[in-house]
Amino acid sequence: MSGDRNSGRNHSVGIDNSTFERVENFKYLGTTLTNQNYIPEEIKSRLRSGNACYYLVQKLLSSRLLSKNLKMKIYRTIILPVVLYGRETWSLTLREERKLRVIENMVLRIFGPRRDELTGEWRRLYNEELNDLYSSPNIVRVIKSRRMIWAGHVARMGEERGVYRVLVGKPEGKKPLGKPRRR
């Protein structure tokens, strides 16, 4: 893998015998990829899509005619895949983990309120209580485990595969001068 340098900017990237034009960002299979590997924008986009999906099925989730198990199946099959699409490539910061937990807790409020034993008043469930009622692992743990599964999958690929070569390969050329960009 090599890049042509002209005044500190890559104009094209060559892999094997193919040359690719460098762009700032592009959408590939529904995921926005940037030249700086800026994941927070992609996560925001996924959260917006998941939020829109949640509000589309909110009447179903708030219905008293459906059981809690059926509502959880709706969450796992409709909302969660929309939010987690492309999760294998995400490197999460604490801020992004918190945003993911917020949307998960918002959906888990379908378990409804609980009557306080001392005062007898209805109150919202605490986040810890929601996690206890929801038997599956939380959304952040799912992302981290899927990332490990993907890394193992790539490590078992043959040397002729492009993804494997990117994982274990070393870029040719020199690093740019200056301090690295902060994340």
N, C-alpha and C. Protein backbone atom coordinates (compact mmCIF):
# COMPACT_ATOMS: atom_id res chain seq x y z
N MET A 1 0.85 -1.16 0.00
CA MET A 1 0.00 0.00 0.00
C MET A 1 0.90 1.23 0.00
N SER A 2 0.66 2.17 -0.88
CA SER A 2 1.49 3.37 -0.95
C SER A 2 0.63 4.57 -1.28
N GLY A 3 1.15 5.74 -1.02
CA GLY A 3 0.44 6.98 -1.32
C GLY A 3 1.38 7.98 -1.94
N ASP A 4 0.93 8.72 -2.90
CA ASP A 4 1.73 9.78 -3.51
C ASP A 4 1.61 11.02 -2.64
N ARG A 5 2.74 11.63 -2.34
CA ARG A 5 2.73 12.82 -1.48
C ARG A 5 3.04 14.04 -2.33
N ASN A 6 2.19 15.05 -2.15
CA ASN A 6 2.41 16.31 -2.82
C ASN A 6 2.02 17.40 -1.84
N SER A 7 2.99 18.09 -1.31
CA SER A 7 2.79 19.14 -0.31
C SER A 7 2.01 18.64 0.91
N GLY A 8 2.33 17.41 1.37
CA GLY A 8 1.72 16.89 2.59
C GLY A 8 0.34 16.29 2.43
N ARG A 9 -0.20 16.18 1.21
CA ARG A 9 -1.54 15.63 1.02
C ARG A 9 -1.50 14.44 0.08
N ASN A 10 -2.26 13.41 0.42
CA ASN A 10 -2.38 12.24 -0.46
C ASN A 10 -3.43 12.52 -1.51
N HIS A 11 -3.09 12.36 -2.78
CA HIS A 11 -4.07 12.55 -3.84
C HIS A 11 -4.59 11.22 -4.36
N SER A 12 -3.82 10.16 -4.15
CA SER A 12 -4.28 8.84 -4.58
C SER A 12 -3.62 7.79 -3.71
N VAL A 13 -4.24 6.63 -3.69
CA VAL A 13 -3.74 5.50 -2.92
C VAL A 13 -3.62 4.33 -3.86
N GLY A 14 -2.49 3.65 -3.82
CA GLY A 14 -2.31 2.48 -4.67
C GLY A 14 -2.26 1.21 -3.86
N ILE A 15 -3.06 0.23 -4.24
CA ILE A 15 -3.04 -1.09 -3.62
C ILE A 15 -2.88 -2.09 -4.75
N ASP A 16 -1.82 -2.89 -4.69
CA ASP A 16 -1.44 -3.80 -5.77
C ASP A 16 -1.30 -3.00 -7.06
N ASN A 17 -2.09 -3.31 -8.07
CA ASN A 17 -1.98 -2.60 -9.35
C ASN A 17 -3.11 -1.59 -9.53
N SER A 18 -3.88 -1.32 -8.50
CA SER A 18 -5.01 -0.40 -8.60
C SER A 18 -4.69 0.91 -7.89
N THR A 19 -5.18 2.00 -8.47
CA THR A 19 -5.02 3.32 -7.86
C THR A 19 -6.40 3.88 -7.56
N PHE A 20 -6.56 4.44 -6.34
CA PHE A 20 -7.83 4.98 -5.90
C PHE A 20 -7.65 6.45 -5.57
N GLU A 21 -8.60 7.26 -6.02
CA GLU A 21 -8.60 8.69 -5.72
C GLU A 21 -8.93 8.90 -4.25
N ARG A 22 -8.26 9.86 -3.65
CA ARG A 22 -8.51 10.16 -2.24
C ARG A 22 -9.67 11.14 -2.13
N VAL A 23 -10.62 10.85 -1.23
CA VAL A 23 -11.76 11.72 -0.99
C VAL A 23 -11.86 11.97 0.52
N GLU A 24 -12.60 13.00 0.90
CA GLU A 24 -12.77 13.33 2.31
C GLU A 24 -13.64 12.29 3.03
N ASN A 25 -14.76 11.93 2.41
CA ASN A 25 -15.64 10.90 2.98
C ASN A 25 -16.49 10.29 1.88
N PHE A 26 -16.99 9.09 2.15
CA PHE A 26 -17.90 8.44 1.21
C PHE A 26 -18.76 7.44 1.99
N LYS A 27 -19.89 7.12 1.41
CA LYS A 27 -20.83 6.20 2.03
C LYS A 27 -20.65 4.84 1.37
N TYR A 28 -20.40 3.81 2.19
CA TYR A 28 -20.21 2.46 1.69
C TYR A 28 -21.10 1.53 2.49
N LEU A 29 -22.03 0.88 1.81
CA LEU A 29 -22.97 -0.05 2.45
C LEU A 29 -23.68 0.59 3.64
N GLY A 30 -24.06 1.85 3.51
CA GLY A 30 -24.81 2.52 4.56
C GLY A 30 -23.97 3.13 5.66
N THR A 31 -22.65 2.96 5.60
CA THR A 31 -21.76 3.49 6.62
C THR A 31 -20.93 4.61 6.01
N THR A 32 -20.84 5.74 6.69
CA THR A 32 -20.04 6.85 6.21
C THR A 32 -18.61 6.68 6.68
N LEU A 33 -17.69 6.60 5.74
CA LEU A 33 -16.27 6.47 6.05
C LEU A 33 -15.59 7.79 5.74
N THR A 34 -14.69 8.24 6.64
CA THR A 34 -13.99 9.50 6.45
C THR A 34 -12.50 9.23 6.34
N ASN A 35 -11.77 10.19 5.77
CA ASN A 35 -10.32 10.01 5.63
C ASN A 35 -9.60 10.12 6.97
N GLN A 36 -10.23 10.68 7.97
CA GLN A 36 -9.63 10.79 9.31
C GLN A 36 -10.13 9.69 10.25
N ASN A 37 -10.94 8.75 9.71
CA ASN A 37 -11.54 7.67 10.50
C ASN A 37 -12.32 8.25 11.68
N TYR A 38 -13.16 9.24 11.40
CA TYR A 38 -13.91 9.94 12.43
C TYR A 38 -15.19 9.17 12.73
N ILE A 39 -15.14 8.34 13.75
CA ILE A 39 -16.24 7.44 14.09
C ILE A 39 -17.41 8.15 14.77
N PRO A 40 -17.21 9.20 15.58
CA PRO A 40 -18.36 9.81 16.27
C PRO A 40 -19.48 10.25 15.34
N GLU A 41 -19.16 10.75 14.15
CA GLU A 41 -20.22 11.13 13.21
C GLU A 41 -21.03 9.92 12.78
N GLU A 42 -20.36 8.80 12.54
CA GLU A 42 -21.07 7.58 12.16
C GLU A 42 -21.96 7.10 13.30
N ILE A 43 -21.46 7.17 14.52
CA ILE A 43 -22.25 6.73 15.67
C ILE A 43 -23.46 7.64 15.85
N LYS A 44 -23.28 8.95 15.67
CA LYS A 44 -24.42 9.87 15.75
C LYS A 44 -25.47 9.52 14.70
N SER A 45 -25.02 9.22 13.51
CA SER A 45 -25.94 8.85 12.44
C SER A 45 -26.70 7.57 12.79
N ARG A 46 -26.00 6.59 13.33
CA ARG A 46 -26.65 5.33 13.75
C ARG A 46 -27.66 5.59 14.87
N LEU A 47 -27.30 6.45 15.82
CA LEU A 47 -28.22 6.76 16.93
C LEU A 47 -29.46 7.50 16.42
N ARG A 48 -29.28 8.42 15.47
CA ARG A 48 -30.44 9.10 14.89
C ARG A 48 -31.35 8.10 14.18
N SER A 49 -30.76 7.18 13.45
CA SER A 49 -31.56 6.17 12.76
C SER A 49 -32.29 5.26 13.75
N GLY A 50 -31.59 4.88 14.82
CA GLY A 50 -32.22 4.05 15.84
C GLY A 50 -33.33 4.78 16.56
N ASN A 51 -33.13 6.07 16.81
CA ASN A 51 -34.14 6.89 17.46
C ASN A 51 -35.38 7.00 16.57
N ALA A 52 -35.16 7.22 15.28
CA ALA A 52 -36.29 7.30 14.34
C ALA A 52 -37.03 5.97 14.30
N CYS A 53 -36.29 4.89 14.31
CA CYS A 53 -36.90 3.55 14.30
C CYS A 53 -37.71 3.33 15.58
N TYR A 54 -37.17 3.77 16.71
CA TYR A 54 -37.88 3.63 17.98
C TYR A 54 -39.21 4.37 17.94
N TYR A 55 -39.21 5.60 17.43
CA TYR A 55 -40.45 6.38 17.40
C TYR A 55 -41.45 5.82 16.39
N LEU A 56 -40.97 5.08 15.40
CA LEU A 56 -41.89 4.44 14.46
C LEU A 56 -42.65 3.28 15.11
N VAL A 57 -42.00 2.58 16.03
CA VAL A 57 -42.64 1.43 16.68
C VAL A 57 -43.06 1.74 18.11
N GLN A 58 -43.05 3.01 18.50
CA GLN A 58 -43.36 3.38 19.87
C GLN A 58 -44.78 2.98 20.27
N LYS A 59 -45.74 3.09 19.35
CA LYS A 59 -47.11 2.70 19.69
C LYS A 59 -47.19 1.22 20.03
N LEU A 60 -46.43 0.40 19.29
CA LEU A 60 -46.40 -1.02 19.61
C LEU A 60 -45.77 -1.26 20.97
N LEU A 61 -44.67 -0.57 21.24
CA LEU A 61 -43.95 -0.79 22.49
C LEU A 61 -44.72 -0.28 23.70
N SER A 62 -45.59 0.71 23.51
CA SER A 62 -46.35 1.22 24.64
C SER A 62 -47.72 0.56 24.78
N SER A 63 -48.03 -0.34 23.87
CA SER A 63 -49.32 -1.03 23.92
C SER A 63 -49.37 -2.01 25.09
N ARG A 64 -50.52 -2.06 25.73
CA ARG A 64 -50.70 -3.01 26.83
C ARG A 64 -51.11 -4.39 26.33
N LEU A 65 -51.43 -4.49 25.04
CA LEU A 65 -51.85 -5.76 24.47
C LEU A 65 -50.68 -6.71 24.21
N LEU A 66 -49.48 -6.16 24.08
CA LEU A 66 -48.30 -6.99 23.82
C LEU A 66 -47.56 -7.30 25.11
N SER A 67 -47.04 -8.51 25.18
CA SER A 67 -46.29 -8.90 26.37
C SER A 67 -44.90 -8.26 26.36
N LYS A 68 -44.26 -8.25 27.52
CA LYS A 68 -42.91 -7.69 27.62
C LYS A 68 -41.93 -8.47 26.75
N ASN A 69 -42.11 -9.80 26.69
CA ASN A 69 -41.21 -10.62 25.86
C ASN A 69 -41.33 -10.25 24.39
N LEU A 70 -42.53 -10.03 23.92
CA LEU A 70 -42.74 -9.65 22.53
C LEU A 70 -42.15 -8.26 22.26
N LYS A 71 -42.30 -7.36 23.21
CA LYS A 71 -41.71 -6.02 23.06
C LYS A 71 -40.18 -6.10 23.00
N MET A 72 -39.60 -6.98 23.81
CA MET A 72 -38.14 -7.15 23.77
C MET A 72 -37.70 -7.75 22.44
N LYS A 73 -38.50 -8.64 21.87
CA LYS A 73 -38.17 -9.20 20.55
C LYS A 73 -38.23 -8.11 19.48
N ILE A 74 -39.19 -7.20 19.59
CA ILE A 74 -39.28 -6.08 18.65
C ILE A 74 -38.03 -5.22 18.77
N TYR A 75 -37.61 -4.96 20.00
CA TYR A 75 -36.40 -4.16 20.22
C TYR A 75 -35.18 -4.85 19.62
N ARG A 76 -35.01 -6.15 19.89
CA ARG A 76 -33.84 -6.87 19.40
C ARG A 76 -33.81 -7.05 17.89
N THR A 77 -34.99 -7.15 17.26
CA THR A 77 -35.02 -7.44 15.83
C THR A 77 -35.20 -6.20 14.96
N ILE A 78 -35.74 -5.12 15.50
CA ILE A 78 -35.99 -3.94 14.67
C ILE A 78 -35.05 -2.79 15.02
N ILE A 79 -34.95 -2.44 16.28
CA ILE A 79 -34.21 -1.24 16.68
C ILE A 79 -32.71 -1.52 16.82
N LEU A 80 -32.36 -2.58 17.52
CA LEU A 80 -30.96 -2.87 17.80
C LEU A 80 -30.11 -3.07 16.54
N PRO A 81 -30.56 -3.81 15.53
CA PRO A 81 -29.73 -3.94 14.32
C PRO A 81 -29.49 -2.61 13.61
N VAL A 82 -30.45 -1.70 13.66
CA VAL A 82 -30.28 -0.39 13.03
C VAL A 82 -29.19 0.39 13.75
N VAL A 83 -29.19 0.35 15.07
CA VAL A 83 -28.19 1.09 15.84
C VAL A 83 -26.81 0.46 15.71
N LEU A 84 -26.74 -0.87 15.66
CA LEU A 84 -25.45 -1.55 15.71
C LEU A 84 -24.84 -1.87 14.35
N TYR A 85 -25.41 -1.38 13.27
CA TYR A 85 -24.86 -1.69 11.95
C TYR A 85 -23.46 -1.09 11.81
N GLY A 86 -22.49 -1.92 11.46
CA GLY A 86 -21.12 -1.46 11.29
C GLY A 86 -20.34 -1.35 12.58
N ARG A 87 -20.83 -1.94 13.64
CA ARG A 87 -20.23 -1.78 14.97
C ARG A 87 -18.84 -2.39 15.09
N GLU A 88 -18.47 -3.31 14.21
CA GLU A 88 -17.17 -3.96 14.33
C GLU A 88 -16.02 -2.99 14.14
N THR A 89 -16.27 -1.88 13.48
CA THR A 89 -15.19 -0.94 13.20
C THR A 89 -15.17 0.24 14.15
N TRP A 90 -16.08 0.30 15.10
CA TRP A 90 -16.15 1.45 16.00
C TRP A 90 -15.11 1.34 17.10
N SER A 91 -14.43 2.43 17.38
CA SER A 91 -13.60 2.53 18.58
C SER A 91 -14.31 3.53 19.48
N LEU A 92 -14.88 3.03 20.55
CA LEU A 92 -15.77 3.84 21.38
C LEU A 92 -15.02 4.62 22.45
N THR A 93 -15.42 5.86 22.65
CA THR A 93 -14.96 6.63 23.80
C THR A 93 -16.05 6.52 24.88
N LEU A 94 -15.75 7.00 26.07
CA LEU A 94 -16.73 6.93 27.15
C LEU A 94 -17.98 7.74 26.81
N ARG A 95 -17.81 8.88 26.13
CA ARG A 95 -18.96 9.71 25.75
C ARG A 95 -19.89 8.94 24.81
N GLU A 96 -19.32 8.22 23.84
CA GLU A 96 -20.14 7.46 22.90
C GLU A 96 -20.80 6.26 23.58
N GLU A 97 -20.08 5.63 24.51
CA GLU A 97 -20.68 4.53 25.27
C GLU A 97 -21.89 5.03 26.05
N ARG A 98 -21.76 6.21 26.65
CA ARG A 98 -22.87 6.78 27.42
C ARG A 98 -24.07 7.06 26.50
N LYS A 99 -23.82 7.59 25.31
CA LYS A 99 -24.91 7.86 24.37
C LYS A 99 -25.62 6.57 23.96
N LEU A 100 -24.85 5.52 23.76
CA LEU A 100 -25.46 4.23 23.40
C LEU A 100 -26.30 3.68 24.55
N ARG A 101 -25.80 3.82 25.78
CA ARG A 101 -26.58 3.35 26.93
C ARG A 101 -27.86 4.15 27.11
N VAL A 102 -27.81 5.45 26.79
CA VAL A 102 -28.99 6.30 26.91
C VAL A 102 -30.09 5.81 25.99
N ILE A 103 -29.77 5.53 24.75
CA ILE A 103 -30.81 5.07 23.83
C ILE A 103 -31.32 3.69 24.24
N GLU A 104 -30.43 2.84 24.75
CA GLU A 104 -30.88 1.53 25.21
C GLU A 104 -31.81 1.67 26.40
N ASN A 105 -31.48 2.51 27.36
CA ASN A 105 -32.33 2.69 28.53
C ASN A 105 -33.66 3.34 28.15
N MET A 106 -33.64 4.21 27.15
CA MET A 106 -34.88 4.82 26.68
C MET A 106 -35.85 3.74 26.17
N VAL A 107 -35.31 2.79 25.42
CA VAL A 107 -36.16 1.72 24.90
C VAL A 107 -36.57 0.77 26.02
N LEU A 108 -35.68 0.51 26.96
CA LEU A 108 -35.99 -0.44 28.04
C LEU A 108 -37.02 0.11 29.03
N ARG A 109 -37.38 1.36 28.91
CA ARG A 109 -38.42 1.92 29.78
C ARG A 109 -39.78 1.29 29.46
N ILE A 110 -39.84 0.42 28.43
CA ILE A 110 -41.09 -0.28 28.14
C ILE A 110 -41.49 -1.19 29.29
N PHE A 111 -40.56 -1.46 30.20
CA PHE A 111 -40.93 -2.27 31.36
C PHE A 111 -41.85 -1.52 32.30
N GLY A 112 -42.00 -0.22 32.07
CA GLY A 112 -42.97 0.56 32.81
C GLY A 112 -42.48 1.01 34.17
N PRO A 113 -43.35 1.72 34.89
CA PRO A 113 -42.97 2.20 36.23
C PRO A 113 -43.10 1.09 37.27
N ARG A 114 -42.64 1.39 38.45
CA ARG A 114 -42.71 0.44 39.56
C ARG A 114 -43.23 1.18 40.78
N ARG A 115 -44.05 0.50 41.56
CA ARG A 115 -44.58 1.11 42.78
C ARG A 115 -43.53 1.01 43.88
N ASP A 116 -43.24 2.16 44.49
CA ASP A 116 -42.27 2.22 45.58
C ASP A 116 -42.88 1.55 46.82
N GLU A 117 -42.09 0.65 47.46
CA GLU A 117 -42.63 -0.09 48.61
C GLU A 117 -42.85 0.80 49.83
N LEU A 118 -42.03 1.82 50.01
CA LEU A 118 -42.14 2.66 51.19
C LEU A 118 -43.28 3.67 51.08
N THR A 119 -43.33 4.39 49.96
CA THR A 119 -44.32 5.46 49.83
C THR A 119 -45.58 5.02 49.10
N GLY A 120 -45.50 3.95 48.34
CA GLY A 120 -46.65 3.49 47.58
C GLY A 120 -46.88 4.27 46.30
N GLU A 121 -45.97 5.18 45.95
CA GLU A 121 -46.12 5.98 44.73
C GLU A 121 -45.41 5.29 43.57
N TRP A 122 -45.90 5.62 42.38
CA TRP A 122 -45.27 5.08 41.18
C TRP A 122 -44.02 5.89 40.86
N ARG A 123 -42.98 5.20 40.41
CA ARG A 123 -41.73 5.87 40.03
C ARG A 123 -41.13 5.15 38.82
N ARG A 124 -40.27 5.87 38.11
CA ARG A 124 -39.55 5.27 36.98
C ARG A 124 -38.52 4.28 37.50
N LEU A 125 -38.24 3.28 36.70
CA LEU A 125 -37.21 2.31 37.08
C LEU A 125 -35.83 2.95 36.94
N TYR A 126 -34.95 2.62 37.87
CA TYR A 126 -33.57 3.08 37.77
C TYR A 126 -32.86 2.27 36.70
N ASN A 127 -31.76 2.81 36.18
CA ASN A 127 -31.03 2.14 35.11
C ASN A 127 -30.55 0.76 35.53
N GLU A 128 -30.12 0.60 36.78
CA GLU A 128 -29.67 -0.71 37.27
C GLU A 128 -30.82 -1.71 37.26
N GLU A 129 -32.01 -1.25 37.63
CA GLU A 129 -33.18 -2.12 37.61
C GLU A 129 -33.54 -2.53 36.19
N LEU A 130 -33.40 -1.59 35.25
CA LEU A 130 -33.66 -1.92 33.84
C LEU A 130 -32.69 -2.99 33.36
N ASN A 131 -31.41 -2.84 33.72
CA ASN A 131 -30.42 -3.83 33.29
C ASN A 131 -30.69 -5.19 33.90
N ASP A 132 -31.21 -5.22 35.13
CA ASP A 132 -31.54 -6.50 35.75
C ASP A 132 -32.72 -7.17 35.05
N LEU A 133 -33.71 -6.38 34.63
CA LEU A 133 -34.87 -6.94 33.95
C LEU A 133 -34.53 -7.41 32.53
N TYR A 134 -33.60 -6.72 31.88
CA TYR A 134 -33.20 -7.05 30.52
C TYR A 134 -32.11 -8.11 30.61
N SER A 135 -32.44 -9.33 30.22
CA SER A 135 -31.55 -10.45 30.46
C SER A 135 -30.33 -10.47 29.53
N SER A 136 -30.38 -9.82 28.40
CA SER A 136 -29.26 -9.83 27.46
C SER A 136 -28.18 -8.85 27.91
N PRO A 137 -26.94 -9.01 27.40
CA PRO A 137 -25.89 -8.06 27.76
C PRO A 137 -26.19 -6.67 27.21
N ASN A 138 -25.62 -5.65 27.88
CA ASN A 138 -25.91 -4.28 27.44
C ASN A 138 -25.27 -4.01 26.08
N ILE A 139 -25.67 -2.91 25.48
CA ILE A 139 -25.31 -2.60 24.10
C ILE A 139 -23.80 -2.41 23.93
N VAL A 140 -23.13 -1.85 24.91
CA VAL A 140 -21.68 -1.63 24.82
C VAL A 140 -20.94 -2.97 24.86
N ARG A 141 -21.39 -3.87 25.70
CA ARG A 141 -20.76 -5.19 25.77
C ARG A 141 -20.95 -5.96 24.47
N VAL A 142 -22.11 -5.81 23.85
CA VAL A 142 -22.37 -6.46 22.57
C VAL A 142 -21.40 -5.93 21.51
N ILE A 143 -21.21 -4.62 21.47
CA ILE A 143 -20.30 -4.02 20.50
C ILE A 143 -18.88 -4.53 20.70
N LYS A 144 -18.41 -4.56 21.93
CA LYS A 144 -17.05 -5.01 22.20
C LYS A 144 -16.85 -6.48 21.86
N SER A 145 -17.83 -7.31 22.16
CA SER A 145 -17.69 -8.73 21.83
C SER A 145 -17.72 -8.96 20.33
N ARG A 146 -18.56 -8.23 19.60
CA ARG A 146 -18.61 -8.38 18.15
C ARG A 146 -17.32 -7.88 17.51
N ARG A 147 -16.69 -6.86 18.08
CA ARG A 147 -15.42 -6.39 17.57
C ARG A 147 -14.33 -7.46 17.72
N MET A 148 -14.35 -8.16 18.84
CA MET A 148 -13.38 -9.25 19.05
C MET A 148 -13.63 -10.40 18.09
N ILE A 149 -14.88 -10.72 17.85
CA ILE A 149 -15.21 -11.78 16.89
C ILE A 149 -14.72 -11.41 15.50
N TRP A 150 -14.92 -10.15 15.11
CA TRP A 150 -14.47 -9.68 13.79
C TRP A 150 -12.94 -9.73 13.69
N ALA A 151 -12.23 -9.34 14.75
CA ALA A 151 -10.77 -9.37 14.73
C ALA A 151 -10.27 -10.81 14.56
N GLY A 152 -10.91 -11.76 15.24
CA GLY A 152 -10.54 -13.16 15.08
C GLY A 152 -10.82 -13.65 13.67
N HIS A 153 -11.92 -13.21 13.10
CA HIS A 153 -12.28 -13.59 11.74
C HIS A 153 -11.23 -13.09 10.75
N VAL A 154 -10.82 -11.84 10.90
CA VAL A 154 -9.81 -11.26 10.00
C VAL A 154 -8.47 -11.96 10.19
N ALA A 155 -8.11 -12.29 11.43
CA ALA A 155 -6.83 -12.94 11.70
C ALA A 155 -6.76 -14.33 11.06
N ARG A 156 -7.90 -14.99 10.89
CA ARG A 156 -7.92 -16.32 10.27
C ARG A 156 -7.97 -16.28 8.75
N MET A 157 -8.13 -15.09 8.18
CA MET A 157 -8.19 -14.97 6.72
C MET A 157 -6.84 -15.27 6.11
N GLY A 158 -6.84 -15.63 4.85
CA GLY A 158 -5.60 -15.89 4.14
C GLY A 158 -4.85 -14.61 3.81
N GLU A 159 -3.57 -14.76 3.50
CA GLU A 159 -2.74 -13.59 3.22
C GLU A 159 -3.13 -12.87 1.95
N GLU A 160 -3.85 -13.56 1.05
CA GLU A 160 -4.24 -12.92 -0.21
C GLU A 160 -5.43 -11.97 -0.05
N ARG A 161 -6.14 -12.04 1.07
CA ARG A 161 -7.30 -11.18 1.30
C ARG A 161 -6.86 -9.77 1.66
N GLY A 162 -7.54 -8.77 1.10
CA GLY A 162 -7.19 -7.38 1.31
C GLY A 162 -7.33 -6.93 2.75
N VAL A 163 -8.37 -7.39 3.42
CA VAL A 163 -8.60 -6.98 4.81
C VAL A 163 -7.47 -7.46 5.70
N TYR A 164 -7.01 -8.68 5.46
CA TYR A 164 -5.91 -9.24 6.25
C TYR A 164 -4.63 -8.44 6.00
N ARG A 165 -4.38 -8.09 4.73
CA ARG A 165 -3.16 -7.33 4.40
C ARG A 165 -3.20 -5.95 5.04
N VAL A 166 -4.37 -5.35 5.12
CA VAL A 166 -4.48 -4.04 5.79
C VAL A 166 -4.23 -4.20 7.28
N LEU A 167 -4.71 -5.29 7.89
CA LEU A 167 -4.53 -5.51 9.32
C LEU A 167 -3.07 -5.73 9.68
N VAL A 168 -2.36 -6.57 8.94
CA VAL A 168 -0.99 -6.91 9.31
C VAL A 168 0.05 -6.15 8.49
N GLY A 169 -0.36 -5.44 7.45
CA GLY A 169 0.58 -4.76 6.57
C GLY A 169 1.17 -3.52 7.18
N LYS A 170 2.26 -3.10 6.58
CA LYS A 170 2.92 -1.87 7.00
C LYS A 170 2.88 -0.90 5.82
N PRO A 171 2.42 0.32 6.03
CA PRO A 171 2.37 1.27 4.93
C PRO A 171 3.78 1.66 4.47
N GLU A 172 3.91 1.87 3.19
CA GLU A 172 5.19 2.30 2.64
C GLU A 172 5.28 3.81 2.70
N GLY A 173 6.47 4.32 2.62
CA GLY A 173 6.64 5.76 2.63
C GLY A 173 6.98 6.28 4.01
N LYS A 174 6.96 7.59 4.12
CA LYS A 174 7.32 8.23 5.38
C LYS A 174 6.07 8.81 6.06
N LYS A 175 6.15 8.89 7.38
CA LYS A 175 5.07 9.52 8.12
C LYS A 175 5.13 11.03 7.90
N PRO A 176 3.98 11.72 7.95
CA PRO A 176 4.00 13.17 7.81
C PRO A 176 4.69 13.83 9.01
N LEU A 177 5.27 14.99 8.76
CA LEU A 177 5.93 15.71 9.82
C LEU A 177 4.90 16.30 10.78
N GLY A 178 5.35 16.49 12.00
CA GLY A 178 4.48 17.16 12.97
C GLY A 178 3.86 16.20 13.97
N LYS A 179 3.17 16.81 14.87
CA LYS A 179 2.50 16.08 15.94
C LYS A 179 1.27 15.37 15.39
N PRO A 180 0.99 14.13 15.83
CA PRO A 180 -0.20 13.43 15.35
C PRO A 180 -1.47 14.14 15.77
N ARG A 181 -2.50 14.00 14.95
CA ARG A 181 -3.79 14.60 15.23
C ARG A 181 -4.43 13.92 16.43
N ARG A 182 -4.99 14.71 17.36
CA ARG A 182 -5.66 14.14 18.54
C ARG A 182 -7.02 13.62 18.17
N ARG A 183 -7.47 12.57 18.86
CA ARG A 183 -8.78 12.00 18.65
C ARG A 183 -9.78 12.66 19.53
